[in-house]
Amino acid sequence: MLDAGYVREAKDVVVYQGVREALGELKAAGFWLVIVTNQSGIGRGFFGETEYQAVHEEMLRQLGAGLIDATYFCADHPEEATERRKPGPGMLREAARDHGLDLARSFMVGDRTGDIEAGRRAGLAASILVRTGVGEAEIALAGADFVADDLPSATAWILQRARKCG
């Protein structure tokens, strides 16, 4: 379980094996893919928005064109958090409003308890915790609808559930 911590430079971006393909499967099934990310490194002064944008652009480049439909980030310091900062549902609600998404038919995939809680607070269909970057104690506390080893496993679960719901 690798936790990259604060990625400050584009040269340090590494997309996990199978992520590009898993996102492609979700896109092919008609899902709208939105990234919602806390970036407290900006609020803490570890790096600026320009550095964050360079890292984000490199991630998008490695994923390939056309997979990610929108990105929302929150630079709030944890001690000065607004509703936008996960576990608050603000970024999810913003994405739903901006893109006409039905949160009750949407899924959250994340690697932190805050991701799972944000999905719950926003009323998403389900929240999936991937084991990337979390320990067993956090997994037990998260209360996720499903715990996946990686994004391809999470994708398989989402696609299976989506087929059942029609």
C-alpha atoms as a PDB file:
ATOM      1  CA  MET A   1       0.000   0.000   0.000  1.00  0.00           C
ATOM      2  CA  LEU A   2       1.755   3.078  -1.263  1.00  0.00           C
ATOM      3  CA  ASP A   3       0.904   6.556  -0.058  1.00  0.00           C
ATOM      4  CA  ALA A   4       2.756   9.090  -2.165  1.00  0.00           C
ATOM      5  CA  GLY A   5       2.127  11.916   0.290  1.00  0.00           C
ATOM      6  CA  TYR A   6       2.343  15.391  -1.180  1.00  0.00           C
ATOM      7  CA  VAL A   7       3.293  15.178  -4.843  1.00  0.00           C
ATOM      8  CA  ARG A   8       4.833  18.556  -5.585  1.00  0.00           C
ATOM      9  CA  GLU A   9       6.401  18.001  -9.005  1.00  0.00           C
ATOM     10  CA  ALA A  10       5.021  16.637 -12.258  1.00  0.00           C
ATOM     11  CA  LYS A  11       8.047  14.352 -12.651  1.00  0.00           C
ATOM     12  CA  ASP A  12       6.892  12.448  -9.532  1.00  0.00           C
ATOM     13  CA  VAL A  13       3.454  11.520 -10.892  1.00  0.00           C
ATOM     14  CA  VAL A  14       2.924   7.775 -11.283  1.00  0.00           C
ATOM     15  CA  VAL A  15      -0.451   6.404 -12.370  1.00  0.00           C
ATOM     16  CA  TYR A  16      -1.080   2.966 -10.882  1.00  0.00           C
ATOM     17  CA  GLN A  17      -1.175  -0.036 -13.175  1.00  0.00           C
ATOM     18  CA  GLY A  18      -4.665  -0.742 -14.523  1.00  0.00           C
ATOM     19  CA  VAL A  19      -6.093   2.706 -13.723  1.00  0.00           C
ATOM     20  CA  ARG A  20      -6.236   3.951 -17.322  1.00  0.00           C
ATOM     21  CA  GLU A  21      -8.016   0.784 -18.454  1.00  0.00           C
ATOM     22  CA  ALA A  22     -10.455   0.826 -15.515  1.00  0.00           C
ATOM     23  CA  LEU A  23     -11.394   4.431 -16.192  1.00  0.00           C
ATOM     24  CA  GLY A  24     -11.849   3.534 -19.858  1.00  0.00           C
ATOM     25  CA  GLU A  25     -14.309   0.791 -18.870  1.00  0.00           C
ATOM     26  CA  LEU A  26     -16.317   3.251 -16.802  1.00  0.00           C
ATOM     27  CA  LYS A  27     -16.368   5.774 -19.660  1.00  0.00           C
ATOM     28  CA  ALA A  28     -17.466   3.068 -22.119  1.00  0.00           C
ATOM     29  CA  ALA A  29     -20.326   2.207 -19.740  1.00  0.00           C
ATOM     30  CA  GLY A  30     -21.479   5.835 -19.843  1.00  0.00           C
ATOM     31  CA  PHE A  31     -20.133   7.117 -16.544  1.00  0.00           C
ATOM     32  CA  TRP A  32     -19.109  10.757 -16.132  1.00  0.00           C
ATOM     33  CA  LEU A  33     -15.710  10.795 -14.369  1.00  0.00           C
ATOM     34  CA  VAL A  34     -15.016  13.611 -11.932  1.00  0.00           C
ATOM     35  CA  ILE A  35     -12.023  14.060  -9.656  1.00  0.00           C
ATOM     36  CA  VAL A  36     -12.650  15.732  -6.291  1.00  0.00           C
ATOM     37  CA  THR A  37      -9.427  16.234  -4.388  1.00  0.00           C
ATOM     38  CA  ASN A  38      -8.307  17.901  -1.197  1.00  0.00           C
ATOM     39  CA  GLN A  39      -5.092  19.816  -1.776  1.00  0.00           C
ATOM     40  CA  SER A  40      -4.229  21.076   1.690  1.00  0.00           C
ATOM     41  CA  GLY A  41      -0.589  21.308   0.621  1.00  0.00           C
ATOM     42  CA  ILE A  42      -1.602  24.614  -0.993  1.00  0.00           C
ATOM     43  CA  GLY A  43      -3.338  25.836   2.172  1.00  0.00           C
ATOM     44  CA  ARG A  44      -0.385  24.717   4.268  1.00  0.00           C
ATOM     45  CA  GLY A  45       2.056  26.567   2.007  1.00  0.00           C
ATOM     46  CA  PHE A  46       3.934  23.423   0.887  1.00  0.00           C
ATOM     47  CA  PHE A  47       3.359  24.275  -2.782  1.00  0.00           C
ATOM     48  CA  GLY A  48       1.289  26.673  -4.847  1.00  0.00           C
ATOM     49  CA  GLU A  49      -1.635  26.303  -7.191  1.00  0.00           C
ATOM     50  CA  THR A  50       0.736  26.458 -10.181  1.00  0.00           C
ATOM     51  CA  GLU A  51       2.611  23.385  -8.936  1.00  0.00           C
ATOM     52  CA  TYR A  52      -0.672  21.575  -8.239  1.00  0.00           C
ATOM     53  CA  GLN A  53      -1.886  22.328 -11.770  1.00  0.00           C
ATOM     54  CA  ALA A  54       1.351  20.992 -13.281  1.00  0.00           C
ATOM     55  CA  VAL A  55       1.009  17.754 -11.296  1.00  0.00           C
ATOM     56  CA  HIS A  56      -2.650  17.469 -12.289  1.00  0.00           C
ATOM     57  CA  GLU A  57      -1.870  18.043 -15.976  1.00  0.00           C
ATOM     58  CA  GLU A  58       0.812  15.350 -15.872  1.00  0.00           C
ATOM     59  CA  MET A  59      -1.638  12.919 -14.316  1.00  0.00           C
ATOM     60  CA  LEU A  60      -4.174  13.686 -17.070  1.00  0.00           C
ATOM     61  CA  ARG A  61      -1.465  13.248 -19.703  1.00  0.00           C
ATOM     62  CA  GLN A  62      -0.519   9.839 -18.321  1.00  0.00           C
ATOM     63  CA  LEU A  63      -4.163   8.770 -18.175  1.00  0.00           C
ATOM     64  CA  GLY A  64      -4.788   9.811 -21.768  1.00  0.00           C
ATOM     65  CA  ALA A  65      -7.195  12.214 -23.382  1.00  0.00           C
ATOM     66  CA  GLY A  66     -10.899  12.074 -22.781  1.00  0.00           C
ATOM     67  CA  LEU A  67     -11.101  10.031 -19.577  1.00  0.00           C
ATOM     68  CA  ILE A  68     -11.626  12.702 -16.925  1.00  0.00           C
ATOM     69  CA  ASP A  69     -14.620  14.973 -17.490  1.00  0.00           C
ATOM     70  CA  ALA A  70     -14.044  17.484 -14.680  1.00  0.00           C
ATOM     71  CA  THR A  71     -11.835  18.177 -11.677  1.00  0.00           C
ATOM     72  CA  TYR A  72     -12.584  20.039  -8.464  1.00  0.00           C
ATOM     73  CA  PHE A  73      -9.954  20.749  -5.844  1.00  0.00           C
ATOM     74  CA  CYS A  74     -10.077  22.305  -2.417  1.00  0.00           C
ATOM     75  CA  ALA A  75      -6.994  24.026  -1.045  1.00  0.00           C
ATOM     76  CA  ASP A  76      -8.432  24.558   2.446  1.00  0.00           C
ATOM     77  CA  HIS A  77      -6.165  23.981   5.407  1.00  0.00           C
ATOM     78  CA  PRO A  78      -7.799  21.255   7.545  1.00  0.00           C
ATOM     79  CA  GLU A  79      -8.139  23.649  10.492  1.00  0.00           C
ATOM     80  CA  GLU A  80      -9.953  26.207   8.308  1.00  0.00           C
ATOM     81  CA  ALA A  81     -12.058  23.817   6.271  1.00  0.00           C
ATOM     82  CA  THR A  82     -15.210  24.798   4.430  1.00  0.00           C
ATOM     83  CA  GLU A  83     -17.900  22.394   3.195  1.00  0.00           C
ATOM     84  CA  ARG A  84     -15.860  21.973   0.000  1.00  0.00           C
ATOM     85  CA  ARG A  85     -13.109  20.098   1.809  1.00  0.00           C
ATOM     86  CA  LYS A  86     -13.804  16.395   2.086  1.00  0.00           C
ATOM     87  CA  PRO A  87     -15.361  14.926   4.180  1.00  0.00           C
ATOM     88  CA  GLY A  88     -17.689  17.812   3.372  1.00  0.00           C
ATOM     89  CA  PRO A  89     -19.895  17.159   0.337  1.00  0.00           C
ATOM     90  CA  GLY A  90     -19.338  20.569  -1.271  1.00  0.00           C
ATOM     91  CA  MET A  91     -17.225  19.562  -4.268  1.00  0.00           C
ATOM     92  CA  LEU A  92     -19.549  16.644  -5.056  1.00  0.00           C
ATOM     93  CA  ARG A  93     -22.615  18.889  -4.927  1.00  0.00           C
ATOM     94  CA  GLU A  94     -20.807  21.469  -7.062  1.00  0.00           C
ATOM     95  CA  ALA A  95     -20.002  18.844  -9.704  1.00  0.00           C
ATOM     96  CA  ALA A  96     -23.598  17.611  -9.699  1.00  0.00           C
ATOM     97  CA  ARG A  97     -24.896  21.145 -10.152  1.00  0.00           C
ATOM     98  CA  ASP A  98     -22.379  22.076 -12.842  1.00  0.00           C
ATOM     99  CA  HIS A  99     -22.839  18.920 -14.910  1.00  0.00           C
ATOM    100  CA  GLY A 100     -26.385  17.769 -14.158  1.00  0.00           C
ATOM    101  CA  LEU A 101     -25.226  14.633 -12.337  1.00  0.00           C
ATOM    102  CA  ASP A 102     -27.620  12.528 -10.262  1.00  0.00           C
ATOM    103  CA  LEU A 103     -25.801  11.984  -6.974  1.00  0.00           C
ATOM    104  CA  ALA A 104     -28.170   9.182  -5.965  1.00  0.00           C
ATOM    105  CA  ARG A 105     -26.922   7.229  -9.005  1.00  0.00           C
ATOM    106  CA  SER A 106     -23.277   8.177  -8.552  1.00  0.00           C
ATOM    107  CA  PHE A 107     -20.336   6.371  -6.945  1.00  0.00           C
ATOM    108  CA  MET A 108     -17.388   7.672  -4.934  1.00  0.00           C
ATOM    109  CA  VAL A 109     -14.068   5.882  -5.128  1.00  0.00           C
ATOM    110  CA  GLY A 110     -11.408   7.048  -2.717  1.00  0.00           C
ATOM    111  CA  ASP A 111      -8.550   5.967  -0.508  1.00  0.00           C
ATOM    112  CA  ARG A 112      -9.388   7.865   2.680  1.00  0.00           C
ATOM    113  CA  THR A 113     -12.198   7.795   5.219  1.00  0.00           C
ATOM    114  CA  GLY A 114     -12.917  11.425   4.291  1.00  0.00           C
ATOM    115  CA  ASP A 115     -13.714  10.317   0.735  1.00  0.00           C
ATOM    116  CA  ILE A 116     -16.199   7.751   2.000  1.00  0.00           C
ATOM    117  CA  GLU A 117     -17.815  10.232   4.364  1.00  0.00           C
ATOM    118  CA  ALA A 118     -18.100  12.858   1.607  1.00  0.00           C
ATOM    119  CA  GLY A 119     -19.920  10.343  -0.572  1.00  0.00           C
ATOM    120  CA  ARG A 120     -22.262   9.468   2.286  1.00  0.00           C
ATOM    121  CA  ARG A 121     -22.986  13.127   3.095  1.00  0.00           C
ATOM    122  CA  ALA A 122     -23.690  13.879  -0.572  1.00  0.00           C
ATOM    123  CA  GLY A 123     -26.163  10.990  -0.829  1.00  0.00           C
ATOM    124  CA  LEU A 124     -24.249   8.940  -3.382  1.00  0.00           C
ATOM    125  CA  ALA A 125     -25.418   5.440  -4.332  1.00  0.00           C
ATOM    126  CA  ALA A 126     -22.264   3.900  -2.837  1.00  0.00           C
ATOM    127  CA  SER A 127     -18.763   4.726  -1.690  1.00  0.00           C
ATOM    128  CA  ILE A 128     -15.843   2.413  -2.402  1.00  0.00           C
ATOM    129  CA  LEU A 129     -12.593   2.503  -0.454  1.00  0.00           C
ATOM    130  CA  VAL A 130      -9.502   1.384  -2.333  1.00  0.00           C
ATOM    131  CA  ARG A 131      -6.684   0.060  -0.178  1.00  0.00           C
ATOM    132  CA  THR A 132      -4.118   2.361  -1.781  1.00  0.00           C
ATOM    133  CA  GLY A 133      -2.548   4.448   0.951  1.00  0.00           C
ATOM    134  CA  VAL A 134      -4.650   3.275   3.915  1.00  0.00           C
ATOM    135  CA  GLY A 135      -3.999   0.937   6.766  1.00  0.00           C
ATOM    136  CA  GLU A 136      -6.305  -1.768   8.099  1.00  0.00           C
ATOM    137  CA  ALA A 137      -7.448   0.418  11.017  1.00  0.00           C
ATOM    138  CA  GLU A 138      -8.656   3.123   8.628  1.00  0.00           C
ATOM    139  CA  ILE A 139     -10.422   0.518   6.482  1.00  0.00           C
ATOM    140  CA  ALA A 140     -12.365  -0.702   9.521  1.00  0.00           C
ATOM    141  CA  LEU A 141     -13.383   2.860  10.422  1.00  0.00           C
ATOM    142  CA  ALA A 142     -14.329   3.986   6.930  1.00  0.00           C
ATOM    143  CA  GLY A 143     -17.715   2.275   6.708  1.00  0.00           C
ATOM    144  CA  ALA A 144     -17.428   1.902   2.942  1.00  0.00           C
ATOM    145  CA  ASP A 145     -20.034   0.052   0.920  1.00  0.00           C
ATOM    146  CA  PHE A 146     -17.191  -1.930  -0.626  1.00  0.00           C
ATOM    147  CA  VAL A 147     -13.439  -2.209  -0.038  1.00  0.00           C
ATOM    148  CA  ALA A 148     -11.385  -2.871  -3.167  1.00  0.00           C
ATOM    149  CA  ASP A 149      -7.719  -3.706  -3.530  1.00  0.00           C
ATOM    150  CA  ASP A 150      -7.370  -1.303  -6.455  1.00  0.00           C
ATOM    151  CA  LEU A 151      -9.299   0.745  -9.010  1.00  0.00           C
ATOM    152  CA  PRO A 152      -9.834  -2.167 -11.435  1.00  0.00           C
ATOM    153  CA  SER A 153     -11.535  -4.119  -8.608  1.00  0.00           C
ATOM    154  CA  ALA A 154     -13.629  -1.086  -7.666  1.00  0.00           C
ATOM    155  CA  THR A 155     -14.598  -0.655 -11.317  1.00  0.00           C
ATOM    156  CA  ALA A 156     -15.753  -4.263 -11.612  1.00  0.00           C
ATOM    157  CA  TRP A 157     -17.927  -3.816  -8.513  1.00  0.00           C
ATOM    158  CA  ILE A 158     -19.438  -0.560  -9.830  1.00  0.00           C
ATOM    159  CA  LEU A 159     -20.190  -2.052 -13.238  1.00  0.00           C
ATOM    160  CA  GLN A 160     -21.805  -5.111 -11.674  1.00  0.00           C
ATOM    161  CA  ARG A 161     -23.958  -2.956  -9.407  1.00  0.00           C
ATOM    162  CA  ALA A 162     -24.880  -0.591 -12.256  1.00  0.00           C
ATOM    163  CA  ARG A 163     -26.074  -3.541 -14.372  1.00  0.00           C
ATOM    164  CA  LYS A 164     -28.284  -4.753 -11.518  1.00  0.00           C
ATOM    165  CA  CYS A 165     -29.849  -1.301 -11.114  1.00  0.00           C
ATOM    166  CA  GLY A 166     -30.376  -0.980 -14.862  1.00  0.00           C
END
